[in-house]
Amino acid sequence: MGPQRASRLNQYNGGSETERAVVAALRWLKAHQEANGAWRCGGSTAAGTALATLAFLGHGETPDSMEFGETVSRALEYLSLHVGADGFVSDASQDYIGGDSQGLMALALSEGYMITQSPLLRDPLERALNTIVRAQSAAKANAQQVGGWRYRPSSDDSDVSVTGWMIMALTSARLAGLHVPQEVCDKPRSFSGTCMM
């Protein structure tokens, strides 16, 4: 936000044209948000809503923003209400972490919590993170798969895209001040060859 945002735009060759395009895209998203705060996207409304929310948060929009504040508030409320008591995304089930939706939801909630420090986001975020941590400990078929995640929390293999979203969610949660055990951060190294945390 502010001067740092202007500096990044300049650093990566952004300018008034790119800014107009981003704002136009955000306005389109705002116009297509459902009354309950969601965006429908493929098989997972929760994942679609998380991605759209990340677009607003990435632009520096908050619940207090003049043009997009209400949109962001409704989206964060939707996300917070769609993490079950068991920590799973509501449109997934206990034996399926919804492809990338678990990591996407946790990432969007984490980024929202980082900006707002709202206790309404913290509880569902912690539940979602605990589910991610538990899923990482599933027994794997071989050592190269250890530390990663797959679509099902009990999967004996790992997937790069699912693991990437989980690592991003856990990294964001740490930056937001939540406790993520160091061993959870270290484990993906054996699967991905690197740990971004």
N, C-alpha and C. Protein backbone atom coordinates (compact mmCIF):
# COMPACT_ATOMS: atom_id res chain seq x y z
N MET A 1 0.84 -1.18 0.00
CA MET A 1 0.00 0.00 0.00
C MET A 1 0.88 1.24 0.00
N GLY A 2 0.32 2.36 -0.35
CA GLY A 2 1.01 3.64 -0.27
C GLY A 2 2.29 3.69 -1.07
N PRO A 3 3.34 4.30 -0.49
CA PRO A 3 4.61 4.47 -1.20
C PRO A 3 5.24 3.14 -1.64
N GLN A 4 5.08 2.10 -0.82
CA GLN A 4 5.65 0.79 -1.17
C GLN A 4 4.96 0.25 -2.43
N ARG A 5 3.68 0.48 -2.52
CA ARG A 5 2.93 0.02 -3.70
C ARG A 5 3.41 0.74 -4.96
N ALA A 6 3.58 2.05 -4.85
CA ALA A 6 4.07 2.84 -5.99
C ALA A 6 5.45 2.37 -6.40
N SER A 7 6.29 2.07 -5.40
CA SER A 7 7.64 1.58 -5.68
C SER A 7 7.60 0.25 -6.42
N ARG A 8 6.72 -0.66 -6.00
CA ARG A 8 6.60 -1.97 -6.64
C ARG A 8 6.06 -1.84 -8.07
N LEU A 9 5.09 -0.96 -8.25
CA LEU A 9 4.57 -0.73 -9.60
C LEU A 9 5.69 -0.29 -10.53
N ASN A 10 6.50 0.62 -10.04
CA ASN A 10 7.62 1.12 -10.83
C ASN A 10 8.66 0.02 -11.07
N GLN A 11 8.97 -0.73 -10.03
CA GLN A 11 9.98 -1.79 -10.12
C GLN A 11 9.60 -2.85 -11.15
N TYR A 12 8.33 -3.18 -11.25
CA TYR A 12 7.89 -4.24 -12.15
C TYR A 12 7.19 -3.70 -13.40
N ASN A 13 7.53 -2.47 -13.77
CA ASN A 13 7.03 -1.84 -14.99
C ASN A 13 5.51 -1.67 -15.03
N GLY A 14 4.92 -1.52 -13.87
CA GLY A 14 3.50 -1.20 -13.82
C GLY A 14 3.31 0.28 -14.04
N GLY A 15 2.08 0.66 -14.25
CA GLY A 15 1.80 2.08 -14.46
C GLY A 15 0.32 2.32 -14.47
N SER A 16 -0.07 3.46 -15.02
CA SER A 16 -1.49 3.83 -15.00
C SER A 16 -2.34 2.85 -15.81
N GLU A 17 -1.77 2.32 -16.89
CA GLU A 17 -2.53 1.35 -17.70
C GLU A 17 -2.81 0.06 -16.93
N THR A 18 -1.76 -0.47 -16.29
CA THR A 18 -1.96 -1.71 -15.52
C THR A 18 -2.89 -1.46 -14.34
N GLU A 19 -2.75 -0.30 -13.72
CA GLU A 19 -3.61 0.01 -12.58
C GLU A 19 -5.07 0.11 -13.03
N ARG A 20 -5.32 0.73 -14.17
CA ARG A 20 -6.69 0.81 -14.69
C ARG A 20 -7.25 -0.58 -14.96
N ALA A 21 -6.41 -1.47 -15.50
CA ALA A 21 -6.86 -2.84 -15.79
C ALA A 21 -7.20 -3.59 -14.52
N VAL A 22 -6.37 -3.43 -13.49
CA VAL A 22 -6.64 -4.11 -12.22
C VAL A 22 -7.92 -3.59 -11.59
N VAL A 23 -8.08 -2.27 -11.56
CA VAL A 23 -9.30 -1.69 -10.98
C VAL A 23 -10.53 -2.12 -11.76
N ALA A 24 -10.42 -2.18 -13.09
CA ALA A 24 -11.55 -2.65 -13.90
C ALA A 24 -11.90 -4.10 -13.55
N ALA A 25 -10.89 -4.94 -13.34
CA ALA A 25 -11.13 -6.34 -12.96
C ALA A 25 -11.79 -6.41 -11.58
N LEU A 26 -11.33 -5.60 -10.65
CA LEU A 26 -11.92 -5.60 -9.31
C LEU A 26 -13.38 -5.12 -9.37
N ARG A 27 -13.63 -4.15 -10.21
CA ARG A 27 -15.02 -3.67 -10.35
C ARG A 27 -15.90 -4.76 -10.95
N TRP A 28 -15.35 -5.52 -11.88
CA TRP A 28 -16.10 -6.64 -12.45
C TRP A 28 -16.42 -7.67 -11.37
N LEU A 29 -15.40 -8.00 -10.57
CA LEU A 29 -15.62 -8.95 -9.47
C LEU A 29 -16.68 -8.42 -8.50
N LYS A 30 -16.57 -7.16 -8.15
CA LYS A 30 -17.55 -6.55 -7.24
C LYS A 30 -18.97 -6.69 -7.80
N ALA A 31 -19.13 -6.42 -9.09
CA ALA A 31 -20.45 -6.48 -9.73
C ALA A 31 -20.99 -7.90 -9.79
N HIS A 32 -20.13 -8.90 -9.72
CA HIS A 32 -20.55 -10.29 -9.83
C HIS A 32 -20.50 -11.05 -8.51
N GLN A 33 -20.27 -10.35 -7.41
CA GLN A 33 -20.31 -10.99 -6.10
C GLN A 33 -21.75 -11.29 -5.73
N GLU A 34 -21.98 -12.47 -5.18
CA GLU A 34 -23.33 -12.83 -4.76
C GLU A 34 -23.69 -12.13 -3.45
N ALA A 35 -24.97 -12.09 -3.14
CA ALA A 35 -25.45 -11.39 -1.95
C ALA A 35 -24.82 -11.92 -0.66
N ASN A 36 -24.47 -13.22 -0.65
CA ASN A 36 -23.88 -13.80 0.56
C ASN A 36 -22.37 -13.58 0.65
N GLY A 37 -21.80 -12.85 -0.31
CA GLY A 37 -20.37 -12.55 -0.28
C GLY A 37 -19.52 -13.47 -1.13
N ALA A 38 -20.13 -14.45 -1.77
CA ALA A 38 -19.37 -15.48 -2.51
C ALA A 38 -19.26 -15.16 -3.99
N TRP A 39 -18.34 -15.87 -4.61
CA TRP A 39 -18.25 -15.94 -6.07
C TRP A 39 -18.27 -17.41 -6.45
N ARG A 40 -19.09 -17.78 -7.40
CA ARG A 40 -19.13 -19.17 -7.85
C ARG A 40 -18.01 -19.41 -8.84
N CYS A 41 -17.34 -20.54 -8.67
CA CYS A 41 -16.19 -20.85 -9.53
C CYS A 41 -16.01 -22.35 -9.58
N GLY A 42 -16.31 -22.97 -10.71
CA GLY A 42 -16.08 -24.40 -10.86
C GLY A 42 -16.77 -25.20 -9.78
N GLY A 43 -16.04 -26.18 -9.26
CA GLY A 43 -16.61 -27.10 -8.28
C GLY A 43 -16.58 -26.61 -6.86
N SER A 44 -15.92 -25.48 -6.59
CA SER A 44 -15.79 -25.01 -5.21
C SER A 44 -16.04 -23.51 -5.13
N THR A 45 -17.22 -23.15 -4.60
CA THR A 45 -17.52 -21.74 -4.38
C THR A 45 -16.54 -21.16 -3.38
N ALA A 46 -16.15 -21.95 -2.38
CA ALA A 46 -15.20 -21.47 -1.37
C ALA A 46 -13.87 -21.10 -2.01
N ALA A 47 -13.37 -21.95 -2.91
CA ALA A 47 -12.10 -21.67 -3.58
C ALA A 47 -12.22 -20.44 -4.47
N GLY A 48 -13.31 -20.33 -5.21
CA GLY A 48 -13.52 -19.16 -6.06
C GLY A 48 -13.58 -17.88 -5.25
N THR A 49 -14.26 -17.95 -4.11
CA THR A 49 -14.37 -16.79 -3.24
C THR A 49 -13.01 -16.43 -2.65
N ALA A 50 -12.24 -17.44 -2.27
CA ALA A 50 -10.90 -17.18 -1.73
C ALA A 50 -10.02 -16.49 -2.77
N LEU A 51 -10.05 -16.97 -4.02
CA LEU A 51 -9.24 -16.36 -5.08
C LEU A 51 -9.66 -14.91 -5.33
N ALA A 52 -10.95 -14.66 -5.41
CA ALA A 52 -11.43 -13.30 -5.64
C ALA A 52 -11.04 -12.39 -4.47
N THR A 53 -11.18 -12.90 -3.26
CA THR A 53 -10.81 -12.12 -2.07
C THR A 53 -9.33 -11.77 -2.10
N LEU A 54 -8.50 -12.74 -2.48
CA LEU A 54 -7.05 -12.48 -2.57
C LEU A 54 -6.74 -11.38 -3.58
N ALA A 55 -7.52 -11.28 -4.65
CA ALA A 55 -7.31 -10.22 -5.64
C ALA A 55 -7.52 -8.85 -4.99
N PHE A 56 -8.58 -8.72 -4.19
CA PHE A 56 -8.84 -7.44 -3.51
C PHE A 56 -7.77 -7.15 -2.46
N LEU A 57 -7.45 -8.14 -1.65
CA LEU A 57 -6.45 -7.93 -0.60
C LEU A 57 -5.09 -7.62 -1.21
N GLY A 58 -4.76 -8.28 -2.32
CA GLY A 58 -3.49 -8.04 -2.99
C GLY A 58 -3.39 -6.63 -3.56
N HIS A 59 -4.52 -6.02 -3.84
CA HIS A 59 -4.54 -4.65 -4.34
C HIS A 59 -4.48 -3.66 -3.18
N GLY A 60 -4.52 -4.18 -1.96
CA GLY A 60 -4.48 -3.32 -0.78
C GLY A 60 -5.84 -2.90 -0.28
N GLU A 61 -6.88 -3.57 -0.76
CA GLU A 61 -8.23 -3.22 -0.30
C GLU A 61 -8.49 -3.85 1.06
N THR A 62 -9.22 -3.15 1.91
CA THR A 62 -9.57 -3.61 3.25
C THR A 62 -11.07 -3.40 3.44
N PRO A 63 -11.61 -3.88 4.56
CA PRO A 63 -13.03 -3.59 4.84
C PRO A 63 -13.32 -2.10 4.97
N ASP A 64 -12.28 -1.29 5.15
CA ASP A 64 -12.46 0.16 5.26
C ASP A 64 -12.29 0.90 3.94
N SER A 65 -11.94 0.19 2.87
CA SER A 65 -11.73 0.86 1.59
C SER A 65 -13.02 1.50 1.09
N MET A 66 -12.86 2.67 0.49
CA MET A 66 -14.05 3.42 0.06
C MET A 66 -14.85 2.68 -1.00
N GLU A 67 -14.21 2.25 -2.06
CA GLU A 67 -14.95 1.64 -3.17
C GLU A 67 -15.23 0.15 -2.96
N PHE A 68 -14.28 -0.57 -2.35
CA PHE A 68 -14.39 -2.02 -2.28
C PHE A 68 -14.54 -2.57 -0.86
N GLY A 69 -14.69 -1.71 0.13
CA GLY A 69 -14.73 -2.14 1.52
C GLY A 69 -15.85 -3.13 1.82
N GLU A 70 -17.05 -2.82 1.35
CA GLU A 70 -18.19 -3.71 1.61
C GLU A 70 -17.98 -5.06 0.92
N THR A 71 -17.41 -5.03 -0.27
CA THR A 71 -17.14 -6.27 -1.01
C THR A 71 -16.18 -7.14 -0.23
N VAL A 72 -15.10 -6.54 0.29
CA VAL A 72 -14.11 -7.28 1.06
C VAL A 72 -14.72 -7.81 2.35
N SER A 73 -15.50 -6.99 3.03
CA SER A 73 -16.14 -7.43 4.29
C SER A 73 -17.03 -8.64 4.07
N ARG A 74 -17.86 -8.58 3.05
CA ARG A 74 -18.79 -9.69 2.78
C ARG A 74 -18.03 -10.95 2.39
N ALA A 75 -16.95 -10.78 1.63
CA ALA A 75 -16.16 -11.94 1.22
C ALA A 75 -15.49 -12.60 2.42
N LEU A 76 -14.89 -11.79 3.29
CA LEU A 76 -14.23 -12.35 4.47
C LEU A 76 -15.24 -13.02 5.40
N GLU A 77 -16.43 -12.42 5.51
CA GLU A 77 -17.46 -13.05 6.34
C GLU A 77 -17.87 -14.40 5.75
N TYR A 78 -18.06 -14.44 4.43
CA TYR A 78 -18.40 -15.71 3.79
C TYR A 78 -17.34 -16.76 4.09
N LEU A 79 -16.08 -16.41 3.90
CA LEU A 79 -14.99 -17.36 4.13
C LEU A 79 -14.98 -17.84 5.58
N SER A 80 -15.15 -16.91 6.51
CA SER A 80 -15.10 -17.29 7.92
C SER A 80 -16.23 -18.24 8.30
N LEU A 81 -17.36 -18.12 7.63
CA LEU A 81 -18.52 -18.98 7.93
C LEU A 81 -18.47 -20.32 7.22
N HIS A 82 -17.50 -20.51 6.32
CA HIS A 82 -17.44 -21.74 5.54
C HIS A 82 -16.23 -22.61 5.85
N VAL A 83 -15.77 -22.49 7.09
CA VAL A 83 -14.79 -23.44 7.64
C VAL A 83 -15.53 -24.15 8.76
N GLY A 84 -15.70 -25.46 8.61
CA GLY A 84 -16.46 -26.23 9.59
C GLY A 84 -15.77 -26.34 10.94
N ALA A 85 -16.49 -26.83 11.92
CA ALA A 85 -15.92 -27.04 13.26
C ALA A 85 -14.72 -27.97 13.20
N ASP A 86 -14.69 -28.86 12.19
CA ASP A 86 -13.58 -29.80 12.03
C ASP A 86 -12.40 -29.19 11.27
N GLY A 87 -12.55 -27.93 10.82
CA GLY A 87 -11.47 -27.25 10.11
C GLY A 87 -11.49 -27.43 8.61
N PHE A 88 -12.39 -28.26 8.10
CA PHE A 88 -12.48 -28.48 6.66
C PHE A 88 -13.34 -27.39 6.00
N VAL A 89 -12.99 -27.06 4.78
CA VAL A 89 -13.80 -26.13 4.00
C VAL A 89 -15.17 -26.75 3.83
N SER A 90 -16.20 -25.93 3.95
CA SER A 90 -17.57 -26.46 4.00
C SER A 90 -18.01 -27.18 2.74
N ASP A 91 -17.44 -26.86 1.58
CA ASP A 91 -17.88 -27.59 0.40
C ASP A 91 -16.94 -28.75 0.07
N ALA A 92 -16.17 -29.15 1.08
CA ALA A 92 -15.35 -30.36 0.99
C ALA A 92 -15.83 -31.30 2.09
N SER A 93 -15.15 -32.40 2.28
CA SER A 93 -15.53 -33.32 3.33
C SER A 93 -14.28 -33.80 4.05
N GLN A 94 -14.47 -34.55 5.12
CA GLN A 94 -13.34 -34.97 5.93
C GLN A 94 -12.36 -35.85 5.16
N ASP A 95 -12.81 -36.52 4.13
CA ASP A 95 -11.87 -37.37 3.40
C ASP A 95 -11.41 -36.70 2.11
N TYR A 96 -11.74 -35.41 1.96
CA TYR A 96 -11.33 -34.71 0.75
C TYR A 96 -11.12 -33.24 1.09
N ILE A 97 -9.90 -32.75 0.98
CA ILE A 97 -9.65 -31.37 1.37
C ILE A 97 -9.87 -30.41 0.20
N GLY A 98 -10.69 -30.83 -0.74
CA GLY A 98 -11.19 -29.93 -1.75
C GLY A 98 -10.15 -29.48 -2.76
N GLY A 99 -9.26 -30.36 -3.14
CA GLY A 99 -8.23 -29.94 -4.08
C GLY A 99 -7.40 -28.85 -3.46
N ASP A 100 -7.42 -27.69 -4.07
CA ASP A 100 -6.65 -26.57 -3.55
C ASP A 100 -7.45 -25.68 -2.61
N SER A 101 -8.74 -25.97 -2.42
CA SER A 101 -9.59 -25.04 -1.67
C SER A 101 -9.19 -24.88 -0.21
N GLN A 102 -8.68 -25.92 0.44
CA GLN A 102 -8.28 -25.79 1.84
C GLN A 102 -7.15 -24.77 1.99
N GLY A 103 -6.14 -24.89 1.16
CA GLY A 103 -5.03 -23.95 1.21
C GLY A 103 -5.44 -22.55 0.80
N LEU A 104 -6.28 -22.45 -0.24
CA LEU A 104 -6.76 -21.14 -0.69
C LEU A 104 -7.56 -20.44 0.39
N MET A 105 -8.47 -21.18 1.03
CA MET A 105 -9.29 -20.59 2.10
C MET A 105 -8.41 -20.12 3.24
N ALA A 106 -7.46 -20.97 3.66
CA ALA A 106 -6.59 -20.59 4.77
C ALA A 106 -5.73 -19.38 4.39
N LEU A 107 -5.26 -19.33 3.16
CA LEU A 107 -4.46 -18.20 2.71
C LEU A 107 -5.28 -16.91 2.72
N ALA A 108 -6.48 -16.94 2.17
CA ALA A 108 -7.31 -15.73 2.14
C ALA A 108 -7.68 -15.29 3.55
N LEU A 109 -8.04 -16.23 4.41
CA LEU A 109 -8.36 -15.88 5.80
C LEU A 109 -7.14 -15.30 6.51
N SER A 110 -5.99 -15.88 6.25
CA SER A 110 -4.76 -15.40 6.87
C SER A 110 -4.42 -13.99 6.43
N GLU A 111 -4.50 -13.74 5.12
CA GLU A 111 -4.22 -12.40 4.61
C GLU A 111 -5.24 -11.40 5.16
N GLY A 112 -6.51 -11.82 5.25
CA GLY A 112 -7.53 -10.96 5.83
C GLY A 112 -7.28 -10.69 7.30
N TYR A 113 -6.87 -11.72 8.02
CA TYR A 113 -6.57 -11.55 9.44
C TYR A 113 -5.36 -10.63 9.63
N MET A 114 -4.35 -10.77 8.78
CA MET A 114 -3.17 -9.94 8.89
C MET A 114 -3.54 -8.46 8.78
N ILE A 115 -4.49 -8.15 7.91
CA ILE A 115 -4.89 -6.76 7.68
C ILE A 115 -5.83 -6.26 8.77
N THR A 116 -6.78 -7.11 9.20
CA THR A 116 -7.84 -6.65 10.11
C THR A 116 -7.60 -6.98 11.58
N GLN A 117 -6.85 -8.07 11.84
CA GLN A 117 -6.68 -8.59 13.21
C GLN A 117 -8.04 -8.92 13.84
N SER A 118 -9.01 -9.26 13.02
CA SER A 118 -10.35 -9.55 13.51
C SER A 118 -10.43 -10.93 14.15
N PRO A 119 -10.93 -11.00 15.40
CA PRO A 119 -11.11 -12.31 16.03
C PRO A 119 -12.12 -13.19 15.30
N LEU A 120 -12.99 -12.57 14.50
CA LEU A 120 -13.96 -13.34 13.73
C LEU A 120 -13.27 -14.17 12.64
N LEU A 121 -12.09 -13.76 12.22
CA LEU A 121 -11.34 -14.51 11.23
C LEU A 121 -10.36 -15.48 11.87
N ARG A 122 -9.88 -15.15 13.05
CA ARG A 122 -8.82 -15.95 13.67
C ARG A 122 -9.27 -17.37 13.99
N ASP A 123 -10.44 -17.53 14.56
CA ASP A 123 -10.90 -18.87 14.96
C ASP A 123 -11.06 -19.80 13.75
N PRO A 124 -11.79 -19.39 12.69
CA PRO A 124 -11.88 -20.30 11.54
C PRO A 124 -10.52 -20.52 10.88
N LEU A 125 -9.67 -19.50 10.89
CA LEU A 125 -8.33 -19.65 10.33
C LEU A 125 -7.53 -20.70 11.09
N GLU A 126 -7.57 -20.64 12.41
CA GLU A 126 -6.84 -21.63 13.21
C GLU A 126 -7.37 -23.04 12.98
N ARG A 127 -8.70 -23.17 12.84
CA ARG A 127 -9.26 -24.49 12.56
C ARG A 127 -8.79 -25.01 11.20
N ALA A 128 -8.79 -24.14 10.19
CA ALA A 128 -8.33 -24.54 8.85
C ALA A 128 -6.86 -24.92 8.87
N LEU A 129 -6.05 -24.17 9.60
CA LEU A 129 -4.62 -24.47 9.69
C LEU A 129 -4.37 -25.80 10.40
N ASN A 130 -5.12 -26.06 11.46
CA ASN A 130 -4.95 -27.33 12.19
C ASN A 130 -5.26 -28.51 11.28
N THR A 131 -6.25 -28.37 10.41
CA THR A 131 -6.57 -29.43 9.45
C THR A 131 -5.42 -29.63 8.47
N ILE A 132 -4.82 -28.54 8.02
CA ILE A 132 -3.67 -28.63 7.11
C ILE A 132 -2.51 -29.35 7.79
N VAL A 133 -2.24 -28.99 9.03
CA VAL A 133 -1.13 -29.62 9.77
C VAL A 133 -1.39 -31.11 9.94
N ARG A 134 -2.63 -31.47 10.30
CA ARG A 134 -2.96 -32.90 10.49
C ARG A 134 -2.81 -33.67 9.18
N ALA A 135 -3.25 -33.07 8.07
CA ALA A 135 -3.20 -33.75 6.77
C ALA A 135 -1.76 -33.99 6.32
N GLN A 136 -0.85 -33.14 6.74
CA GLN A 136 0.54 -33.30 6.33
C GLN A 136 1.17 -34.56 6.92
N SER A 137 0.64 -35.02 8.04
CA SER A 137 1.26 -36.16 8.73
C SER A 137 0.78 -37.52 8.21
N ALA A 138 -0.01 -37.54 7.15
CA ALA A 138 -0.46 -38.83 6.59
C ALA A 138 0.73 -39.66 6.13
N ALA A 139 0.65 -40.96 6.35
CA ALA A 139 1.74 -41.86 5.91
C ALA A 139 1.84 -41.83 4.39
N LYS A 140 3.07 -41.76 3.89
CA LYS A 140 3.30 -41.67 2.45
C LYS A 140 3.90 -42.97 1.92
N ALA A 141 3.69 -43.20 0.64
CA ALA A 141 4.16 -44.44 0.00
C ALA A 141 5.68 -44.49 -0.10
N ASN A 142 6.32 -43.32 -0.24
CA ASN A 142 7.78 -43.29 -0.27
C ASN A 142 8.28 -41.98 0.32
N ALA A 143 9.57 -41.95 0.63
CA ALA A 143 10.15 -40.82 1.34
C ALA A 143 10.07 -39.52 0.55
N GLN A 144 10.06 -39.60 -0.77
CA GLN A 144 9.99 -38.38 -1.58
C GLN A 144 8.66 -37.66 -1.45
N GLN A 145 7.63 -38.34 -1.00
CA GLN A 145 6.30 -37.75 -0.86
C GLN A 145 6.06 -37.13 0.52
N VAL A 146 6.95 -37.40 1.46
CA VAL A 146 6.78 -36.93 2.84
C VAL A 146 6.82 -35.40 2.88
N GLY A 147 5.93 -34.84 3.66
CA GLY A 147 5.91 -33.40 3.86
C GLY A 147 4.96 -32.65 2.96
N GLY A 148 4.45 -33.31 1.92
CA GLY A 148 3.53 -32.66 1.00
C GLY A 148 2.08 -32.99 1.31
N TRP A 149 1.20 -32.45 0.51
CA TRP A 149 -0.24 -32.67 0.66
C TRP A 149 -0.82 -33.13 -0.68
N ARG A 150 -1.98 -33.75 -0.59
CA ARG A 150 -2.72 -34.20 -1.76
C ARG A 150 -4.18 -33.81 -1.53
N TYR A 151 -5.07 -34.18 -2.43
CA TYR A 151 -6.48 -33.81 -2.31
C TYR A 151 -7.15 -34.41 -1.09
N ARG A 152 -6.77 -35.62 -0.74
CA ARG A 152 -7.34 -36.26 0.45
C ARG A 152 -6.31 -36.22 1.57
N PRO A 153 -6.76 -35.92 2.80
CA PRO A 153 -5.80 -35.83 3.91
C PRO A 153 -5.10 -37.15 4.22
N SER A 154 -5.67 -38.26 3.76
CA SER A 154 -5.05 -39.57 4.02
C SER A 154 -4.25 -40.09 2.83
N SER A 155 -4.09 -39.27 1.77
CA SER A 155 -3.39 -39.72 0.57
C SER A 155 -1.96 -40.13 0.88
N ASP A 156 -1.50 -41.20 0.20
CA ASP A 156 -0.13 -41.67 0.43
C ASP A 156 0.87 -41.08 -0.56
N ASP A 157 0.41 -40.04 -1.32
CA ASP A 157 1.33 -39.32 -2.20
C ASP A 157 1.08 -37.83 -2.02
N SER A 158 1.83 -37.00 -2.74
CA SER A 158 1.71 -35.55 -2.61
C SER A 158 1.57 -34.92 -3.98
N ASP A 159 1.05 -33.71 -4.01
CA ASP A 159 0.79 -32.99 -5.25
C ASP A 159 1.42 -31.60 -5.14
N VAL A 160 2.08 -31.16 -6.21
CA VAL A 160 2.81 -29.89 -6.16
C VAL A 160 1.88 -28.70 -5.97
N SER A 161 0.76 -28.63 -6.71
CA SER A 161 -0.10 -27.45 -6.58
C SER A 161 -0.76 -27.38 -5.21
N VAL A 162 -1.26 -28.51 -4.72
CA VAL A 162 -1.89 -28.52 -3.39
C VAL A 162 -0.85 -28.14 -2.34
N THR A 163 0.34 -28.71 -2.44
CA THR A 163 1.41 -28.41 -1.48
C THR A 163 1.77 -26.93 -1.54
N GLY A 164 1.83 -26.37 -2.74
CA GLY A 164 2.15 -24.95 -2.88
C GLY A 164 1.18 -24.05 -2.15
N TRP A 165 -0.13 -24.32 -2.32
CA TRP A 165 -1.13 -23.51 -1.63
C TRP A 165 -1.02 -23.68 -0.11
N MET A 166 -0.76 -24.90 0.33
CA MET A 166 -0.63 -25.13 1.78
C MET A 166 0.57 -24.37 2.34
N ILE A 167 1.69 -24.41 1.63
CA ILE A 167 2.88 -23.68 2.09
C ILE A 167 2.60 -22.18 2.13
N MET A 168 1.93 -21.66 1.11
CA MET A 168 1.61 -20.23 1.11
C MET A 168 0.69 -19.87 2.28
N ALA A 169 -0.29 -20.72 2.56
CA ALA A 169 -1.21 -20.46 3.68
C ALA A 169 -0.46 -20.46 5.01
N LEU A 170 0.40 -21.45 5.20
CA LEU A 170 1.15 -21.54 6.45
C LEU A 170 2.13 -20.38 6.59
N THR A 171 2.76 -19.98 5.50
CA THR A 171 3.69 -18.84 5.53
C THR A 171 2.94 -17.56 5.89
N SER A 172 1.79 -17.35 5.27
CA SER A 172 1.00 -16.16 5.56
C SER A 172 0.54 -16.16 7.01
N ALA A 173 0.14 -17.32 7.51
CA ALA A 173 -0.30 -17.42 8.91
C ALA A 173 0.83 -17.03 9.86
N ARG A 174 2.03 -17.50 9.56
CA ARG A 174 3.18 -17.10 10.39
C ARG A 174 3.39 -15.60 10.36
N LEU A 175 3.31 -15.02 9.18
CA LEU A 175 3.50 -13.57 9.04
C LEU A 175 2.39 -12.79 9.77
N ALA A 176 1.22 -13.41 9.89
CA ALA A 176 0.10 -12.78 10.60
C ALA A 176 0.21 -12.95 12.11
N GLY A 177 1.22 -13.69 12.57
CA GLY A 177 1.45 -13.84 13.99
C GLY A 177 0.90 -15.11 14.61
N LEU A 178 0.39 -16.04 13.79
CA LEU A 178 -0.12 -17.29 14.33
C LEU A 178 1.03 -18.30 14.46
N HIS A 179 0.88 -19.20 15.39
CA HIS A 179 1.91 -20.22 15.60
C HIS A 179 1.75 -21.34 14.58
N VAL A 180 2.82 -21.58 13.85
CA VAL A 180 2.90 -22.73 12.95
C VAL A 180 4.16 -23.48 13.37
N PRO A 181 4.05 -24.74 13.80
CA PRO A 181 5.22 -25.47 14.29
C PRO A 181 6.34 -25.53 13.24
N GLN A 182 7.57 -25.38 13.69
CA GLN A 182 8.72 -25.38 12.79
C GLN A 182 8.82 -26.67 11.99
N GLU A 183 8.48 -27.80 12.63
CA GLU A 183 8.59 -29.08 11.91
C GLU A 183 7.64 -29.14 10.71
N VAL A 184 6.50 -28.44 10.80
CA VAL A 184 5.57 -28.38 9.68
C VAL A 184 6.21 -27.60 8.54
N CYS A 185 6.95 -26.58 8.88
CA CYS A 185 7.64 -25.77 7.86
C CYS A 185 8.80 -26.53 7.22
N ASP A 186 9.45 -27.38 8.00
CA ASP A 186 10.63 -28.09 7.51
C ASP A 186 10.28 -29.29 6.63
N LYS A 187 9.16 -29.93 6.90
CA LYS A 187 8.81 -31.18 6.19
C LYS A 187 8.69 -31.07 4.68
N PRO A 188 8.13 -29.98 4.13
CA PRO A 188 7.98 -29.94 2.66
C PRO A 188 9.29 -30.01 1.89
N ARG A 189 10.42 -29.80 2.55
CA ARG A 189 11.71 -29.83 1.85
C ARG A 189 11.95 -31.17 1.17
N SER A 190 11.54 -32.24 1.81
CA SER A 190 11.80 -33.56 1.22
C SER A 190 10.93 -33.79 -0.01
N PHE A 191 9.76 -33.16 -0.07
CA PHE A 191 8.89 -33.31 -1.24
C PHE A 191 9.23 -32.29 -2.33
N SER A 192 9.28 -31.02 -1.95
CA SER A 192 9.44 -29.97 -2.95
C SER A 192 10.89 -29.59 -3.22
N GLY A 193 11.79 -30.00 -2.33
CA GLY A 193 13.19 -29.64 -2.48
C GLY A 193 13.50 -28.25 -1.94
N THR A 194 12.45 -27.56 -1.51
CA THR A 194 12.66 -26.24 -0.92
C THR A 194 11.49 -25.94 0.02
N CYS A 195 11.73 -25.09 0.97
CA CYS A 195 10.67 -24.66 1.88
C CYS A 195 10.60 -23.14 1.82
N MET A 196 9.44 -22.64 1.50
CA MET A 196 9.32 -21.19 1.35
C MET A 196 9.06 -20.50 2.68
N MET A 197 9.07 -21.25 3.78
CA MET A 197 8.74 -20.62 5.06
C MET A 197 9.98 -20.26 5.83
